[in-house]
Amino acid sequence: MKKLLSSTLLCAAILTSVPYNIQSDMNSASAEDLPSYAKWGRLAVKEATEKYPKAQLIDYDHNGKIQNEKTTVEKFKLWLEKDKQEFGLSIDIEYNTKTEEIVDIKLKRTNK
């Protein structure tokens, strides 16, 4: 139940564009209460808002991860609205599994 509540609060913070502060969340919840992709989800939202600063984030989804030999790819789908038009943004974040150093970030705008 705690994991569900933490996931819900994280998504609510992202969706309402409320600044999310991991340090304050870490003070009130243990690291095991946060979903494993939380760190990468915040990065995905940051990348989207940097690329589309005038767009409003309206939805967010974690589409799983792909574990390779040395790297992991976290996959996200965000829905944004700009000038009354909605569009999707697929974001893949590849990082070194051991060091968590970012290898590559790919953004792809979609219509669905």
N, C-alpha and C. Protein backbone atom coordinates (compact mmCIF):
# COMPACT_ATOMS: atom_id res chain seq x y z
N MET A 1 0.82 -1.19 0.00
CA MET A 1 0.00 0.00 0.00
C MET A 1 0.87 1.25 0.00
N LYS A 2 1.99 1.21 0.77
CA LYS A 2 2.89 2.36 0.81
C LYS A 2 3.48 2.66 -0.56
N LYS A 3 3.84 1.58 -1.29
CA LYS A 3 4.41 1.77 -2.62
C LYS A 3 3.41 2.40 -3.57
N LEU A 4 2.17 1.97 -3.48
CA LEU A 4 1.12 2.54 -4.33
C LEU A 4 0.91 4.00 -4.00
N LEU A 5 0.90 4.35 -2.71
CA LEU A 5 0.72 5.73 -2.29
C LEU A 5 1.88 6.59 -2.77
N SER A 6 3.11 6.11 -2.61
CA SER A 6 4.28 6.87 -3.06
C SER A 6 4.26 7.07 -4.57
N SER A 7 3.89 6.02 -5.32
CA SER A 7 3.81 6.14 -6.78
C SER A 7 2.75 7.14 -7.18
N THR A 8 1.62 7.10 -6.49
CA THR A 8 0.53 8.03 -6.79
C THR A 8 0.96 9.46 -6.51
N LEU A 9 1.63 9.69 -5.38
CA LEU A 9 2.08 11.04 -5.04
C LEU A 9 3.12 11.54 -6.03
N LEU A 10 4.04 10.67 -6.46
CA LEU A 10 5.05 11.06 -7.44
C LEU A 10 4.39 11.46 -8.75
N CYS A 11 3.46 10.65 -9.24
CA CYS A 11 2.76 10.97 -10.49
C CYS A 11 1.95 12.24 -10.35
N ALA A 12 1.30 12.43 -9.21
CA ALA A 12 0.50 13.64 -9.00
C ALA A 12 1.40 14.87 -9.03
N ALA A 13 2.57 14.80 -8.43
CA ALA A 13 3.50 15.93 -8.44
C ALA A 13 3.96 16.25 -9.86
N ILE A 14 4.23 15.22 -10.63
CA ILE A 14 4.68 15.43 -12.00
C ILE A 14 3.56 15.99 -12.86
N LEU A 15 2.37 15.41 -12.75
CA LEU A 15 1.25 15.81 -13.61
C LEU A 15 0.74 17.20 -13.32
N THR A 16 0.83 17.64 -12.09
CA THR A 16 0.32 18.97 -11.77
C THR A 16 1.40 20.03 -11.90
N SER A 17 2.56 19.63 -12.40
CA SER A 17 3.69 20.53 -12.59
C SER A 17 4.15 21.19 -11.30
N VAL A 18 3.85 20.57 -10.18
CA VAL A 18 4.36 21.05 -8.91
C VAL A 18 5.82 20.66 -8.85
N PRO A 19 6.70 21.59 -8.52
CA PRO A 19 8.11 21.22 -8.44
C PRO A 19 8.30 20.05 -7.47
N TYR A 20 8.97 19.04 -7.93
CA TYR A 20 9.17 17.84 -7.13
C TYR A 20 10.57 17.88 -6.57
N ASN A 21 10.69 17.78 -5.27
CA ASN A 21 11.97 17.84 -4.60
C ASN A 21 12.28 16.48 -4.00
N ILE A 22 13.21 15.75 -4.61
CA ILE A 22 13.52 14.40 -4.14
C ILE A 22 14.05 14.42 -2.72
N GLN A 23 14.79 15.45 -2.34
CA GLN A 23 15.37 15.48 -1.00
C GLN A 23 14.28 15.53 0.06
N SER A 24 13.25 16.36 -0.13
CA SER A 24 12.18 16.41 0.86
C SER A 24 11.38 15.11 0.86
N ASP A 25 11.21 14.51 -0.31
CA ASP A 25 10.50 13.23 -0.36
C ASP A 25 11.31 12.14 0.34
N MET A 26 12.61 12.17 0.16
CA MET A 26 13.46 11.17 0.79
C MET A 26 13.43 11.32 2.31
N ASN A 27 13.23 12.55 2.81
CA ASN A 27 13.14 12.76 4.25
C ASN A 27 11.85 12.17 4.81
N SER A 28 10.78 12.16 4.03
CA SER A 28 9.49 11.69 4.53
C SER A 28 9.19 10.25 4.17
N ALA A 29 9.94 9.68 3.23
CA ALA A 29 9.70 8.29 2.82
C ALA A 29 11.05 7.62 2.58
N SER A 30 11.08 6.34 2.85
CA SER A 30 12.33 5.63 2.61
C SER A 30 12.51 5.41 1.11
N ALA A 31 13.74 5.18 0.70
CA ALA A 31 14.05 5.00 -0.73
C ALA A 31 13.30 3.81 -1.31
N GLU A 32 13.01 2.80 -0.50
CA GLU A 32 12.31 1.64 -1.03
C GLU A 32 10.84 1.93 -1.32
N ASP A 33 10.30 3.05 -0.79
CA ASP A 33 8.92 3.42 -1.07
C ASP A 33 8.76 4.04 -2.45
N LEU A 34 9.83 4.57 -3.01
CA LEU A 34 9.78 5.19 -4.33
C LEU A 34 9.93 4.12 -5.41
N PRO A 35 9.24 4.28 -6.54
CA PRO A 35 9.43 3.31 -7.62
C PRO A 35 10.87 3.40 -8.13
N SER A 36 11.39 2.30 -8.64
CA SER A 36 12.79 2.27 -9.08
C SER A 36 13.06 3.25 -10.22
N TYR A 37 12.03 3.63 -10.96
CA TYR A 37 12.21 4.53 -12.09
C TYR A 37 12.00 6.01 -11.73
N ALA A 38 11.74 6.33 -10.48
CA ALA A 38 11.41 7.71 -10.08
C ALA A 38 12.48 8.72 -10.51
N LYS A 39 13.73 8.39 -10.27
CA LYS A 39 14.85 9.28 -10.64
C LYS A 39 14.83 9.56 -12.14
N TRP A 40 14.60 8.53 -12.92
CA TRP A 40 14.64 8.66 -14.38
C TRP A 40 13.38 9.36 -14.89
N GLY A 41 12.27 9.18 -14.20
CA GLY A 41 11.03 9.88 -14.56
C GLY A 41 11.16 11.38 -14.40
N ARG A 42 11.81 11.80 -13.32
CA ARG A 42 12.04 13.24 -13.13
C ARG A 42 12.94 13.79 -14.24
N LEU A 43 13.95 13.01 -14.63
CA LEU A 43 14.83 13.44 -15.71
C LEU A 43 14.07 13.52 -17.03
N ALA A 44 13.18 12.57 -17.28
CA ALA A 44 12.38 12.59 -18.51
C ALA A 44 11.51 13.85 -18.56
N VAL A 45 10.88 14.19 -17.45
CA VAL A 45 10.06 15.40 -17.39
C VAL A 45 10.92 16.64 -17.59
N LYS A 46 12.10 16.66 -16.98
CA LYS A 46 13.01 17.80 -17.14
C LYS A 46 13.42 17.98 -18.60
N GLU A 47 13.77 16.87 -19.25
CA GLU A 47 14.16 16.94 -20.67
C GLU A 47 13.00 17.45 -21.53
N ALA A 48 11.79 16.99 -21.25
CA ALA A 48 10.61 17.42 -22.01
C ALA A 48 10.36 18.91 -21.83
N THR A 49 10.46 19.39 -20.60
CA THR A 49 10.19 20.81 -20.35
C THR A 49 11.30 21.70 -20.91
N GLU A 50 12.51 21.19 -21.00
CA GLU A 50 13.59 21.97 -21.63
C GLU A 50 13.37 22.05 -23.14
N LYS A 51 12.94 20.95 -23.74
CA LYS A 51 12.73 20.94 -25.19
C LYS A 51 11.46 21.71 -25.58
N TYR A 52 10.42 21.62 -24.75
CA TYR A 52 9.14 22.28 -25.03
C TYR A 52 8.74 23.13 -23.82
N PRO A 53 9.45 24.25 -23.59
CA PRO A 53 9.22 25.04 -22.37
C PRO A 53 7.82 25.66 -22.27
N LYS A 54 7.15 25.85 -23.37
CA LYS A 54 5.82 26.47 -23.33
C LYS A 54 4.69 25.45 -23.32
N ALA A 55 5.03 24.19 -23.33
CA ALA A 55 4.03 23.13 -23.33
C ALA A 55 3.66 22.76 -21.89
N GLN A 56 2.42 22.32 -21.73
CA GLN A 56 1.91 21.87 -20.44
C GLN A 56 1.93 20.35 -20.40
N LEU A 57 2.49 19.77 -19.36
CA LEU A 57 2.50 18.33 -19.19
C LEU A 57 1.11 17.90 -18.74
N ILE A 58 0.48 16.97 -19.49
CA ILE A 58 -0.86 16.54 -19.12
C ILE A 58 -0.95 15.06 -18.74
N ASP A 59 0.06 14.27 -19.11
CA ASP A 59 0.05 12.86 -18.72
C ASP A 59 1.46 12.30 -18.77
N TYR A 60 1.66 11.20 -18.05
CA TYR A 60 2.99 10.62 -17.86
C TYR A 60 2.83 9.12 -17.69
N ASP A 61 3.70 8.35 -18.34
CA ASP A 61 3.64 6.91 -18.18
C ASP A 61 5.04 6.32 -18.26
N HIS A 62 5.33 5.39 -17.37
CA HIS A 62 6.57 4.64 -17.44
C HIS A 62 6.26 3.37 -18.21
N ASN A 63 6.95 3.16 -19.32
CA ASN A 63 6.68 2.03 -20.20
C ASN A 63 7.66 0.88 -20.01
N GLY A 64 8.26 0.81 -18.86
CA GLY A 64 9.16 -0.29 -18.55
C GLY A 64 10.62 0.03 -18.82
N LYS A 65 11.43 -1.00 -18.64
CA LYS A 65 12.86 -0.84 -18.88
C LYS A 65 13.40 -2.05 -19.60
N ILE A 66 14.49 -1.80 -20.31
CA ILE A 66 15.18 -2.86 -21.03
C ILE A 66 16.58 -2.95 -20.44
N GLN A 67 16.92 -4.12 -19.92
CA GLN A 67 18.22 -4.32 -19.33
C GLN A 67 19.13 -4.99 -20.35
N ASN A 68 20.19 -4.31 -20.73
CA ASN A 68 21.18 -4.85 -21.64
C ASN A 68 22.37 -5.37 -20.82
N GLU A 69 23.42 -5.78 -21.50
CA GLU A 69 24.58 -6.33 -20.79
C GLU A 69 25.19 -5.33 -19.81
N LYS A 70 25.41 -4.09 -20.26
CA LYS A 70 26.05 -3.09 -19.40
C LYS A 70 25.17 -1.88 -19.12
N THR A 71 24.12 -1.73 -19.87
CA THR A 71 23.27 -0.56 -19.71
C THR A 71 21.80 -0.95 -19.49
N THR A 72 21.05 0.02 -19.02
CA THR A 72 19.61 -0.12 -18.85
C THR A 72 18.96 1.05 -19.58
N VAL A 73 17.82 0.79 -20.22
CA VAL A 73 17.06 1.84 -20.89
C VAL A 73 15.70 1.94 -20.21
N GLU A 74 15.42 3.10 -19.61
CA GLU A 74 14.11 3.37 -19.02
C GLU A 74 13.29 4.07 -20.10
N LYS A 75 12.04 3.61 -20.30
CA LYS A 75 11.19 4.12 -21.38
C LYS A 75 9.99 4.86 -20.78
N PHE A 76 9.76 6.07 -21.28
CA PHE A 76 8.66 6.90 -20.80
C PHE A 76 7.86 7.44 -21.97
N LYS A 77 6.58 7.71 -21.70
CA LYS A 77 5.72 8.37 -22.68
C LYS A 77 5.05 9.52 -21.95
N LEU A 78 5.23 10.72 -22.46
CA LEU A 78 4.61 11.91 -21.89
C LEU A 78 3.65 12.48 -22.91
N TRP A 79 2.55 13.06 -22.41
CA TRP A 79 1.61 13.78 -23.26
C TRP A 79 1.70 15.24 -22.89
N LEU A 80 1.89 16.07 -23.90
CA LEU A 80 2.02 17.51 -23.69
C LEU A 80 0.95 18.24 -24.49
N GLU A 81 0.67 19.47 -24.08
CA GLU A 81 -0.25 20.32 -24.83
C GLU A 81 0.41 21.67 -25.02
N LYS A 82 0.39 22.12 -26.27
CA LYS A 82 0.95 23.42 -26.61
C LYS A 82 0.05 24.03 -27.67
N ASP A 83 -0.36 25.27 -27.45
CA ASP A 83 -1.23 25.96 -28.39
C ASP A 83 -2.48 25.14 -28.71
N LYS A 84 -3.08 24.55 -27.69
CA LYS A 84 -4.30 23.76 -27.79
C LYS A 84 -4.16 22.50 -28.64
N GLN A 85 -2.93 22.06 -28.87
CA GLN A 85 -2.68 20.82 -29.59
C GLN A 85 -1.92 19.86 -28.67
N GLU A 86 -2.43 18.64 -28.60
CA GLU A 86 -1.78 17.61 -27.80
C GLU A 86 -0.83 16.79 -28.67
N PHE A 87 0.27 16.36 -28.06
CA PHE A 87 1.20 15.48 -28.75
C PHE A 87 1.92 14.62 -27.72
N GLY A 88 2.40 13.50 -28.19
CA GLY A 88 3.14 12.58 -27.33
C GLY A 88 4.63 12.80 -27.47
N LEU A 89 5.34 12.39 -26.46
CA LEU A 89 6.79 12.47 -26.48
C LEU A 89 7.33 11.19 -25.84
N SER A 90 7.97 10.37 -26.67
CA SER A 90 8.62 9.16 -26.16
C SER A 90 10.03 9.53 -25.74
N ILE A 91 10.39 9.12 -24.54
CA ILE A 91 11.72 9.43 -24.03
C ILE A 91 12.36 8.14 -23.55
N ASP A 92 13.53 7.84 -24.10
CA ASP A 92 14.32 6.68 -23.67
C ASP A 92 15.59 7.20 -23.01
N ILE A 93 15.82 6.79 -21.79
CA ILE A 93 17.02 7.20 -21.06
C ILE A 93 17.88 5.96 -20.86
N GLU A 94 19.04 5.95 -21.49
CA GLU A 94 19.97 4.84 -21.35
C GLU A 94 21.08 5.24 -20.38
N TYR A 95 21.35 4.36 -19.43
CA TYR A 95 22.38 4.65 -18.44
C TYR A 95 23.17 3.39 -18.11
N ASN A 96 24.39 3.60 -17.62
CA ASN A 96 25.22 2.50 -17.17
C ASN A 96 24.58 1.88 -15.93
N THR A 97 24.29 0.61 -15.98
CA THR A 97 23.56 -0.04 -14.90
C THR A 97 24.30 0.04 -13.56
N LYS A 98 25.61 -0.09 -13.57
CA LYS A 98 26.38 -0.07 -12.31
C LYS A 98 26.58 1.34 -11.77
N THR A 99 26.96 2.28 -12.63
CA THR A 99 27.32 3.62 -12.17
C THR A 99 26.17 4.63 -12.27
N GLU A 100 25.14 4.29 -13.00
CA GLU A 100 24.00 5.15 -13.30
C GLU A 100 24.39 6.42 -14.09
N GLU A 101 25.56 6.36 -14.73
CA GLU A 101 25.98 7.45 -15.60
C GLU A 101 25.15 7.40 -16.89
N ILE A 102 24.63 8.55 -17.30
CA ILE A 102 23.79 8.60 -18.49
C ILE A 102 24.63 8.36 -19.73
N VAL A 103 24.16 7.45 -20.58
CA VAL A 103 24.82 7.13 -21.84
C VAL A 103 24.16 7.91 -22.97
N ASP A 104 22.81 7.94 -22.99
CA ASP A 104 22.10 8.60 -24.09
C ASP A 104 20.66 8.89 -23.66
N ILE A 105 20.12 9.98 -24.18
CA ILE A 105 18.72 10.31 -23.98
C ILE A 105 18.12 10.57 -25.36
N LYS A 106 17.06 9.84 -25.68
CA LYS A 106 16.41 10.00 -26.99
C LYS A 106 14.99 10.50 -26.77
N LEU A 107 14.64 11.58 -27.49
CA LEU A 107 13.29 12.11 -27.46
C LEU A 107 12.70 11.99 -28.85
N LYS A 108 11.46 11.53 -28.91
CA LYS A 108 10.78 11.41 -30.21
C LYS A 108 9.35 11.88 -30.06
N ARG A 109 9.00 12.91 -30.81
CA ARG A 109 7.64 13.45 -30.78
C ARG A 109 6.72 12.53 -31.59
N THR A 110 5.54 12.26 -31.04
CA THR A 110 4.57 11.39 -31.72
C THR A 110 3.20 12.06 -31.71
N ASN A 111 2.32 11.60 -32.57
CA ASN A 111 0.96 12.11 -32.60
C ASN A 111 -0.01 11.22 -31.85
N LYS A 112 0.46 10.05 -31.41
CA LYS A 112 -0.41 9.16 -30.65
C LYS A 112 0.28 8.63 -29.44
